[in-house]
Amino acid sequence: LAAGVYDLSVGGTMGMTMMLVAWLQSSHHLGFV
């Protein structure tokens, strides 16, 4: 906003990382780090 642009994907980005970090652990048994 300071730079004069909008990011309407910010909620989707949050949702994607939330889903990825759980999916990688649950479905692929990857270490949480």
PDB file of all heavy atoms in Angstrom:
ATOM      1  N   LEU A   1       0.829  -1.201   0.000  1.00  0.00           N
ATOM      2  CA  LEU A   1       0.000   0.000   0.000  1.00  0.00           C
ATOM      3  C   LEU A   1       0.867   1.257   0.000  1.00  0.00           C
ATOM      4  O   LEU A   1       0.531   2.252  -0.647  1.00  0.00           O
ATOM      5  CB  LEU A   1      -0.937  -0.005   1.205  1.00  0.00           C
ATOM      6  CG  LEU A   1      -2.061  -1.057   1.175  1.00  0.00           C
ATOM      7  CD1 LEU A   1      -2.825  -1.063   2.491  1.00  0.00           C
ATOM      8  CD2 LEU A   1      -3.011  -0.806   0.010  1.00  0.00           C
ATOM      9  N   ALA A   2       1.977   1.214   0.721  1.00  0.00           N
ATOM     10  CA  ALA A   2       2.895   2.351   0.724  1.00  0.00           C
ATOM     11  C   ALA A   2       3.468   2.591  -0.667  1.00  0.00           C
ATOM     12  O   ALA A   2       3.672   3.737  -1.080  1.00  0.00           O
ATOM     13  CB  ALA A   2       4.022   2.119   1.727  1.00  0.00           C
ATOM     14  N   ALA A   3       3.723   1.507  -1.400  1.00  0.00           N
ATOM     15  CA  ALA A   3       4.305   1.607  -2.740  1.00  0.00           C
ATOM     16  C   ALA A   3       3.262   1.850  -3.818  1.00  0.00           C
ATOM     17  O   ALA A   3       3.598   1.949  -5.000  1.00  0.00           O
ATOM     18  CB  ALA A   3       5.093   0.337  -3.054  1.00  0.00           C
ATOM     19  N   GLY A   4       1.988   1.907  -3.435  1.00  0.00           N
ATOM     20  CA  GLY A   4       0.936   2.213  -4.391  1.00  0.00           C
ATOM     21  C   GLY A   4       0.386   1.030  -5.153  1.00  0.00           C
ATOM     22  O   GLY A   4      -0.167   1.196  -6.241  1.00  0.00           O
ATOM     23  N   VAL A   5       0.515  -0.180  -4.599  1.00  0.00           N
ATOM     24  CA  VAL A   5      -0.041  -1.367  -5.234  1.00  0.00           C
ATOM     25  C   VAL A   5      -0.911  -2.128  -4.231  1.00  0.00           C
ATOM     26  O   VAL A   5      -0.772  -1.967  -3.018  1.00  0.00           O
ATOM     27  CB  VAL A   5       1.051  -2.306  -5.794  1.00  0.00           C
ATOM     28  CG1 VAL A   5       1.787  -1.647  -6.935  1.00  0.00           C
ATOM     29  CG2 VAL A   5       2.034  -2.724  -4.698  1.00  0.00           C
ATOM     30  N   TYR A   6      -1.796  -2.967  -4.772  1.00  0.00           N
ATOM     31  CA  TYR A   6      -2.670  -3.784  -3.946  1.00  0.00           C
ATOM     32  C   TYR A   6      -2.263  -5.249  -4.089  1.00  0.00           C
ATOM     33  O   TYR A   6      -1.811  -5.668  -5.151  1.00  0.00           O
ATOM     34  CB  TYR A   6      -4.136  -3.638  -4.373  1.00  0.00           C
ATOM     35  CG  TYR A   6      -4.731  -2.294  -4.070  1.00  0.00           C
ATOM     36  CD1 TYR A   6      -4.684  -1.264  -5.007  1.00  0.00           C
ATOM     37  CD2 TYR A   6      -5.350  -2.038  -2.850  1.00  0.00           C
ATOM     38  CE1 TYR A   6      -5.229  -0.023  -4.734  1.00  0.00           C
ATOM     39  CE2 TYR A   6      -5.908  -0.806  -2.571  1.00  0.00           C
ATOM     40  CZ  TYR A   6      -5.842   0.194  -3.518  1.00  0.00           C
ATOM     41  OH  TYR A   6      -6.377   1.432  -3.241  1.00  0.00           O
ATOM     42  N   ASP A   7      -2.458  -6.008  -3.016  1.00  0.00           N
ATOM     43  CA  ASP A   7      -2.266  -7.453  -3.094  1.00  0.00           C
ATOM     44  C   ASP A   7      -3.524  -8.137  -2.575  1.00  0.00           C
ATOM     45  O   ASP A   7      -3.671  -8.386  -1.380  1.00  0.00           O
ATOM     46  CB  ASP A   7      -1.051  -7.902  -2.291  1.00  0.00           C
ATOM     47  CG  ASP A   7      -0.734  -9.380  -2.504  1.00  0.00           C
ATOM     48  OD1 ASP A   7      -1.533 -10.065  -3.184  1.00  0.00           O
ATOM     49  OD2 ASP A   7       0.285  -9.869  -1.994  1.00  0.00           O
ATOM     50  N   LEU A   8      -4.437  -8.445  -3.491  1.00  0.00           N
ATOM     51  CA  LEU A   8      -5.673  -9.125  -3.129  1.00  0.00           C
ATOM     52  C   LEU A   8      -5.490 -10.633  -3.038  1.00  0.00           C
ATOM     53  O   LEU A   8      -6.440 -11.348  -2.729  1.00  0.00           O
ATOM     54  CB  LEU A   8      -6.771  -8.804  -4.146  1.00  0.00           C
ATOM     55  CG  LEU A   8      -7.192  -7.336  -4.245  1.00  0.00           C
ATOM     56  CD1 LEU A   8      -8.308  -7.177  -5.266  1.00  0.00           C
ATOM     57  CD2 LEU A   8      -7.630  -6.802  -2.892  1.00  0.00           C
ATOM     58  N   SER A   9      -4.268 -11.111  -3.295  1.00  0.00           N
ATOM     59  CA  SER A   9      -3.995 -12.545  -3.162  1.00  0.00           C
ATOM     60  C   SER A   9      -3.414 -12.885  -1.797  1.00  0.00           C
ATOM     61  O   SER A   9      -3.036 -14.024  -1.559  1.00  0.00           O
ATOM     62  CB  SER A   9      -3.018 -13.000  -4.252  1.00  0.00           C
ATOM     63  OG  SER A   9      -1.736 -12.415  -4.067  1.00  0.00           O
ATOM     64  N   VAL A  10      -3.363 -11.888  -0.912  1.00  0.00           N
ATOM     65  CA  VAL A  10      -2.712 -12.112   0.380  1.00  0.00           C
ATOM     66  C   VAL A  10      -3.421 -13.209   1.178  1.00  0.00           C
ATOM     67  O   VAL A  10      -2.775 -14.022   1.849  1.00  0.00           O
ATOM     68  CB  VAL A  10      -2.635 -10.788   1.172  1.00  0.00           C
ATOM     69  CG1 VAL A  10      -4.018 -10.300   1.578  1.00  0.00           C
ATOM     70  CG2 VAL A  10      -1.746 -10.918   2.381  1.00  0.00           C
ATOM     71  N   GLY A  11      -4.756 -13.269   1.096  1.00  0.00           N
ATOM     72  CA  GLY A  11      -5.495 -14.326   1.788  1.00  0.00           C
ATOM     73  C   GLY A  11      -5.230 -15.688   1.171  1.00  0.00           C
ATOM     74  O   GLY A  11      -5.067 -16.690   1.876  1.00  0.00           O
ATOM     75  N   GLY A  12      -5.168 -15.742  -0.166  1.00  0.00           N
ATOM     76  CA  GLY A  12      -4.861 -16.991  -0.832  1.00  0.00           C
ATOM     77  C   GLY A  12      -3.463 -17.481  -0.523  1.00  0.00           C
ATOM     78  O   GLY A  12      -3.224 -18.694  -0.384  1.00  0.00           O
ATOM     79  N   THR A  13      -2.507 -16.558  -0.408  1.00  0.00           N
ATOM     80  CA  THR A  13      -1.141 -16.929  -0.050  1.00  0.00           C
ATOM     81  C   THR A  13      -1.093 -17.530   1.344  1.00  0.00           C
ATOM     82  O   THR A  13      -0.427 -18.548   1.589  1.00  0.00           O
ATOM     83  CB  THR A  13      -0.216 -15.707  -0.126  1.00  0.00           C
ATOM     84  OG1 THR A  13      -0.297 -15.131  -1.423  1.00  0.00           O
ATOM     85  CG2 THR A  13       1.219 -16.099   0.165  1.00  0.00           C
ATOM     86  N   MET A  14      -1.794 -16.902   2.268  1.00  0.00           N
ATOM     87  CA  MET A  14      -1.877 -17.448   3.622  1.00  0.00           C
ATOM     88  C   MET A  14      -2.472 -18.847   3.598  1.00  0.00           C
ATOM     89  O   MET A  14      -1.967 -19.790   4.232  1.00  0.00           O
ATOM     90  CB  MET A  14      -2.713 -16.537   4.511  1.00  0.00           C
ATOM     91  CG  MET A  14      -2.955 -17.106   5.904  1.00  0.00           C
ATOM     92  SD  MET A  14      -4.208 -16.183   6.827  1.00  0.00           S
ATOM     93  CE  MET A  14      -4.435 -17.275   8.242  1.00  0.00           C
ATOM     94  N   GLY A  15      -3.590 -19.010   2.866  1.00  0.00           N
ATOM     95  CA  GLY A  15      -4.246 -20.308   2.794  1.00  0.00           C
ATOM     96  C   GLY A  15      -3.371 -21.366   2.146  1.00  0.00           C
ATOM     97  O   GLY A  15      -3.364 -22.530   2.563  1.00  0.00           O
ATOM     98  N   MET A  16      -2.596 -20.974   1.119  1.00  0.00           N
ATOM     99  CA  MET A  16      -1.729 -21.929   0.444  1.00  0.00           C
ATOM    100  C   MET A  16      -0.621 -22.432   1.363  1.00  0.00           C
ATOM    101  O   MET A  16      -0.350 -23.640   1.432  1.00  0.00           O
ATOM    102  CB  MET A  16      -1.133 -21.283  -0.812  1.00  0.00           C
ATOM    103  CG  MET A  16      -0.085 -22.144  -1.519  1.00  0.00           C
ATOM    104  SD  MET A  16      -0.732 -23.757  -2.036  1.00  0.00           S
ATOM    105  CE  MET A  16      -1.661 -23.286  -3.494  1.00  0.00           C
ATOM    106  N   THR A  17       0.056 -21.525   2.069  1.00  0.00           N
ATOM    107  CA  THR A  17       1.131 -21.965   2.953  1.00  0.00           C
ATOM    108  C   THR A  17       0.584 -22.780   4.126  1.00  0.00           C
ATOM    109  O   THR A  17       1.211 -23.740   4.566  1.00  0.00           O
ATOM    110  CB  THR A  17       1.933 -20.769   3.493  1.00  0.00           C
ATOM    111  OG1 THR A  17       1.044 -19.839   4.131  1.00  0.00           O
ATOM    112  CG2 THR A  17       2.663 -20.061   2.378  1.00  0.00           C
ATOM    113  N   MET A  18      -0.592 -22.400   4.592  1.00  0.00           N
ATOM    114  CA  MET A  18      -1.247 -23.160   5.656  1.00  0.00           C
ATOM    115  C   MET A  18      -1.526 -24.585   5.200  1.00  0.00           C
ATOM    116  O   MET A  18      -1.260 -25.557   5.921  1.00  0.00           O
ATOM    117  CB  MET A  18      -2.545 -22.462   6.057  1.00  0.00           C
ATOM    118  CG  MET A  18      -3.339 -23.160   7.126  1.00  0.00           C
ATOM    119  SD  MET A  18      -4.909 -22.305   7.406  1.00  0.00           S
ATOM    120  CE  MET A  18      -5.576 -23.285   8.744  1.00  0.00           C
ATOM    121  N   MET A  19      -2.042 -24.715   3.973  1.00  0.00           N
ATOM    122  CA  MET A  19      -2.358 -26.033   3.449  1.00  0.00           C
ATOM    123  C   MET A  19      -1.094 -26.826   3.134  1.00  0.00           C
ATOM    124  O   MET A  19      -0.994 -28.025   3.429  1.00  0.00           O
ATOM    125  CB  MET A  19      -3.218 -25.899   2.195  1.00  0.00           C
ATOM    126  CG  MET A  19      -3.724 -27.217   1.615  1.00  0.00           C
ATOM    127  SD  MET A  19      -4.729 -28.177   2.793  1.00  0.00           S
ATOM    128  CE  MET A  19      -6.157 -27.098   2.949  1.00  0.00           C
ATOM    129  N   LEU A  20      -0.101 -26.167   2.536  1.00  0.00           N
ATOM    130  CA  LEU A  20       1.134 -26.854   2.159  1.00  0.00           C
ATOM    131  C   LEU A  20       1.873 -27.415   3.361  1.00  0.00           C
ATOM    132  O   LEU A  20       2.341 -28.563   3.339  1.00  0.00           O
ATOM    133  CB  LEU A  20       2.051 -25.893   1.396  1.00  0.00           C
ATOM    134  CG  LEU A  20       1.906 -25.800  -0.110  1.00  0.00           C
ATOM    135  CD1 LEU A  20       2.899 -24.795  -0.671  1.00  0.00           C
ATOM    136  CD2 LEU A  20       2.116 -27.169  -0.756  1.00  0.00           C
ATOM    137  N   VAL A  21       1.996 -26.606   4.422  1.00  0.00           N
ATOM    138  CA  VAL A  21       2.776 -27.053   5.562  1.00  0.00           C
ATOM    139  C   VAL A  21       2.117 -28.242   6.252  1.00  0.00           C
ATOM    140  O   VAL A  21       2.797 -29.129   6.789  1.00  0.00           O
ATOM    141  CB  VAL A  21       3.002 -25.881   6.557  1.00  0.00           C
ATOM    142  CG1 VAL A  21       1.751 -25.587   7.388  1.00  0.00           C
ATOM    143  CG2 VAL A  21       4.197 -26.168   7.459  1.00  0.00           C
ATOM    144  N   ALA A  22       0.793 -28.314   6.204  1.00  0.00           N
ATOM    145  CA  ALA A  22       0.082 -29.466   6.766  1.00  0.00           C
ATOM    146  C   ALA A  22       0.137 -30.657   5.811  1.00  0.00           C
ATOM    147  O   ALA A  22       0.363 -31.801   6.232  1.00  0.00           O
ATOM    148  CB  ALA A  22      -1.371 -29.087   7.064  1.00  0.00           C
ATOM    149  N   TRP A  23      -0.056 -30.413   4.517  1.00  0.00           N
ATOM    150  CA  TRP A  23      -0.085 -31.473   3.504  1.00  0.00           C
ATOM    151  C   TRP A  23       1.266 -32.170   3.378  1.00  0.00           C
ATOM    152  O   TRP A  23       1.337 -33.389   3.257  1.00  0.00           O
ATOM    153  CB  TRP A  23      -0.504 -30.855   2.179  1.00  0.00           C
ATOM    154  CG  TRP A  23      -0.539 -31.790   1.016  1.00  0.00           C
ATOM    155  CD1 TRP A  23      -1.413 -32.813   0.806  1.00  0.00           C
ATOM    156  CD2 TRP A  23       0.321 -31.761  -0.126  1.00  0.00           C
ATOM    157  NE1 TRP A  23      -1.155 -33.428  -0.395  1.00  0.00           N
ATOM    158  CE2 TRP A  23      -0.089 -32.802  -0.992  1.00  0.00           C
ATOM    159  CE3 TRP A  23       1.383 -30.958  -0.504  1.00  0.00           C
ATOM    160  CZ2 TRP A  23       0.545 -33.060  -2.201  1.00  0.00           C
ATOM    161  CZ3 TRP A  23       2.014 -31.204  -1.715  1.00  0.00           C
ATOM    162  CH2 TRP A  23       1.597 -32.246  -2.552  1.00  0.00           C
ATOM    163  N   LEU A  24       2.330 -31.414   3.424  1.00  0.00           N
ATOM    164  CA  LEU A  24       3.668 -32.004   3.311  1.00  0.00           C
ATOM    165  C   LEU A  24       3.977 -32.924   4.484  1.00  0.00           C
ATOM    166  O   LEU A  24       4.664 -33.942   4.338  1.00  0.00           O
ATOM    167  CB  LEU A  24       4.725 -30.903   3.214  1.00  0.00           C
ATOM    168  CG  LEU A  24       4.742 -30.110   1.900  1.00  0.00           C
ATOM    169  CD1 LEU A  24       5.676 -28.905   2.008  1.00  0.00           C
ATOM    170  CD2 LEU A  24       5.163 -31.008   0.734  1.00  0.00           C
ATOM    171  N   GLN A  25       3.481 -32.571   5.651  1.00  0.00           N
ATOM    172  CA  GLN A  25       3.689 -33.424   6.820  1.00  0.00           C
ATOM    173  C   GLN A  25       2.757 -34.631   6.814  1.00  0.00           C
ATOM    174  O   GLN A  25       3.166 -35.751   7.118  1.00  0.00           O
ATOM    175  CB  GLN A  25       3.456 -32.625   8.107  1.00  0.00           C
ATOM    176  CG  GLN A  25       4.457 -31.512   8.341  1.00  0.00           C
ATOM    177  CD  GLN A  25       4.133 -30.702   9.573  1.00  0.00           C
ATOM    178  OE1 GLN A  25       4.372 -31.128  10.708  1.00  0.00           O
ATOM    179  NE2 GLN A  25       3.579 -29.513   9.363  1.00  0.00           N
ATOM    180  N   SER A  26       1.494 -34.387   6.461  1.00  0.00           N
ATOM    181  CA  SER A  26       0.478 -35.439   6.552  1.00  0.00           C
ATOM    182  C   SER A  26       0.580 -36.448   5.413  1.00  0.00           C
ATOM    183  O   SER A  26       0.584 -37.663   5.649  1.00  0.00           O
ATOM    184  CB  SER A  26      -0.908 -34.804   6.566  1.00  0.00           C
ATOM    185  OG  SER A  26      -1.923 -35.774   6.570  1.00  0.00           O
ATOM    186  N   SER A  27       0.673 -35.980   4.190  1.00  0.00           N
ATOM    187  CA  SER A  27       0.634 -36.865   3.027  1.00  0.00           C
ATOM    188  C   SER A  27       2.009 -37.341   2.575  1.00  0.00           C
ATOM    189  O   SER A  27       2.140 -38.406   1.976  1.00  0.00           O
ATOM    190  CB  SER A  27      -0.064 -36.168   1.855  1.00  0.00           C
ATOM    191  OG  SER A  27      -1.395 -35.841   2.194  1.00  0.00           O
ATOM    192  N   HIS A  28       3.044 -36.560   2.847  1.00  0.00           N
ATOM    193  CA  HIS A  28       4.386 -36.905   2.382  1.00  0.00           C
ATOM    194  C   HIS A  28       5.358 -37.176   3.522  1.00  0.00           C
ATOM    195  O   HIS A  28       6.536 -37.435   3.276  1.00  0.00           O
ATOM    196  CB  HIS A  28       4.923 -35.790   1.485  1.00  0.00           C
ATOM    197  CG  HIS A  28       4.149 -35.632   0.218  1.00  0.00           C
ATOM    198  ND1 HIS A  28       4.421 -36.340  -0.933  1.00  0.00           N
ATOM    199  CD2 HIS A  28       3.063 -34.872  -0.080  1.00  0.00           C
ATOM    200  CE1 HIS A  28       3.570 -36.002  -1.887  1.00  0.00           C
ATOM    201  NE2 HIS A  28       2.732 -35.112  -1.383  1.00  0.00           N
ATOM    202  N   HIS A  29       4.869 -37.087   4.756  1.00  0.00           N
ATOM    203  CA  HIS A  29       5.647 -37.432   5.950  1.00  0.00           C
ATOM    204  C   HIS A  29       6.973 -36.684   6.000  1.00  0.00           C
ATOM    205  O   HIS A  29       8.001 -37.236   6.418  1.00  0.00           O
ATOM    206  CB  HIS A  29       5.878 -38.951   6.015  1.00  0.00           C
ATOM    207  CG  HIS A  29       4.633 -39.752   5.823  1.00  0.00           C
ATOM    208  ND1 HIS A  29       3.617 -39.765   6.769  1.00  0.00           N
ATOM    209  CD2 HIS A  29       4.208 -40.540   4.802  1.00  0.00           C
ATOM    210  CE1 HIS A  29       2.632 -40.537   6.336  1.00  0.00           C
ATOM    211  NE2 HIS A  29       2.961 -41.019   5.146  1.00  0.00           N
ATOM    212  N   LEU A  30       6.952 -35.455   5.571  1.00  0.00           N
ATOM    213  CA  LEU A  30       8.139 -34.620   5.598  1.00  0.00           C
ATOM    214  C   LEU A  30       8.298 -34.015   6.985  1.00  0.00           C
ATOM    215  O   LEU A  30       7.316 -33.695   7.661  1.00  0.00           O
ATOM    216  CB  LEU A  30       7.996 -33.505   4.556  1.00  0.00           C
ATOM    217  CG  LEU A  30       9.268 -32.822   4.061  1.00  0.00           C
ATOM    218  CD1 LEU A  30      10.148 -33.813   3.319  1.00  0.00           C
ATOM    219  CD2 LEU A  30       8.907 -31.654   3.141  1.00  0.00           C
ATOM    220  N   GLY A  31       9.525 -33.866   7.442  1.00  0.00           N
ATOM    221  CA  GLY A  31       9.770 -33.226   8.725  1.00  0.00           C
ATOM    222  C   GLY A  31       9.227 -31.811   8.737  1.00  0.00           C
ATOM    223  O   GLY A  31       9.231 -31.118   7.705  1.00  0.00           O
ATOM    224  N   PHE A  32       8.787 -31.373   9.902  1.00  0.00           N
ATOM    225  CA  PHE A  32       8.092 -30.081   9.951  1.00  0.00           C
ATOM    226  C   PHE A  32       9.001 -28.919   9.577  1.00  0.00           C
ATOM    227  O   PHE A  32       8.537 -27.917   9.019  1.00  0.00           O
ATOM    228  CB  PHE A  32       7.447 -29.870  11.331  1.00  0.00           C
ATOM    229  CG  PHE A  32       8.403 -29.473  12.418  1.00  0.00           C
ATOM    230  CD1 PHE A  32       8.605 -28.142  12.733  1.00  0.00           C
ATOM    231  CD2 PHE A  32       9.083 -30.431  13.152  1.00  0.00           C
ATOM    232  CE1 PHE A  32       9.459 -27.769  13.748  1.00  0.00           C
ATOM    233  CE2 PHE A  32       9.952 -30.075  14.170  1.00  0.00           C
ATOM    234  CZ  PHE A  32      10.139 -28.736  14.469  1.00  0.00           C
ATOM    235  N   VAL A  33      10.305 -29.025   9.849  1.00  0.00           N
ATOM    236  CA  VAL A  33      11.220 -27.941   9.476  1.00  0.00           C
ATOM    237  C   VAL A  33      11.276 -27.798   7.959  1.00  0.00           C
ATOM    238  O   VAL A  33      11.190 -26.687   7.417  1.00  0.00           O
ATOM    239  CB  VAL A  33      12.624 -28.190  10.052  1.00  0.00           C
ATOM    240  CG1 VAL A  33      13.595 -27.127   9.533  1.00  0.00           C
ATOM    241  CG2 VAL A  33      12.586 -28.169  11.571  1.00  0.00           C
TER     242      VAL A  33
END
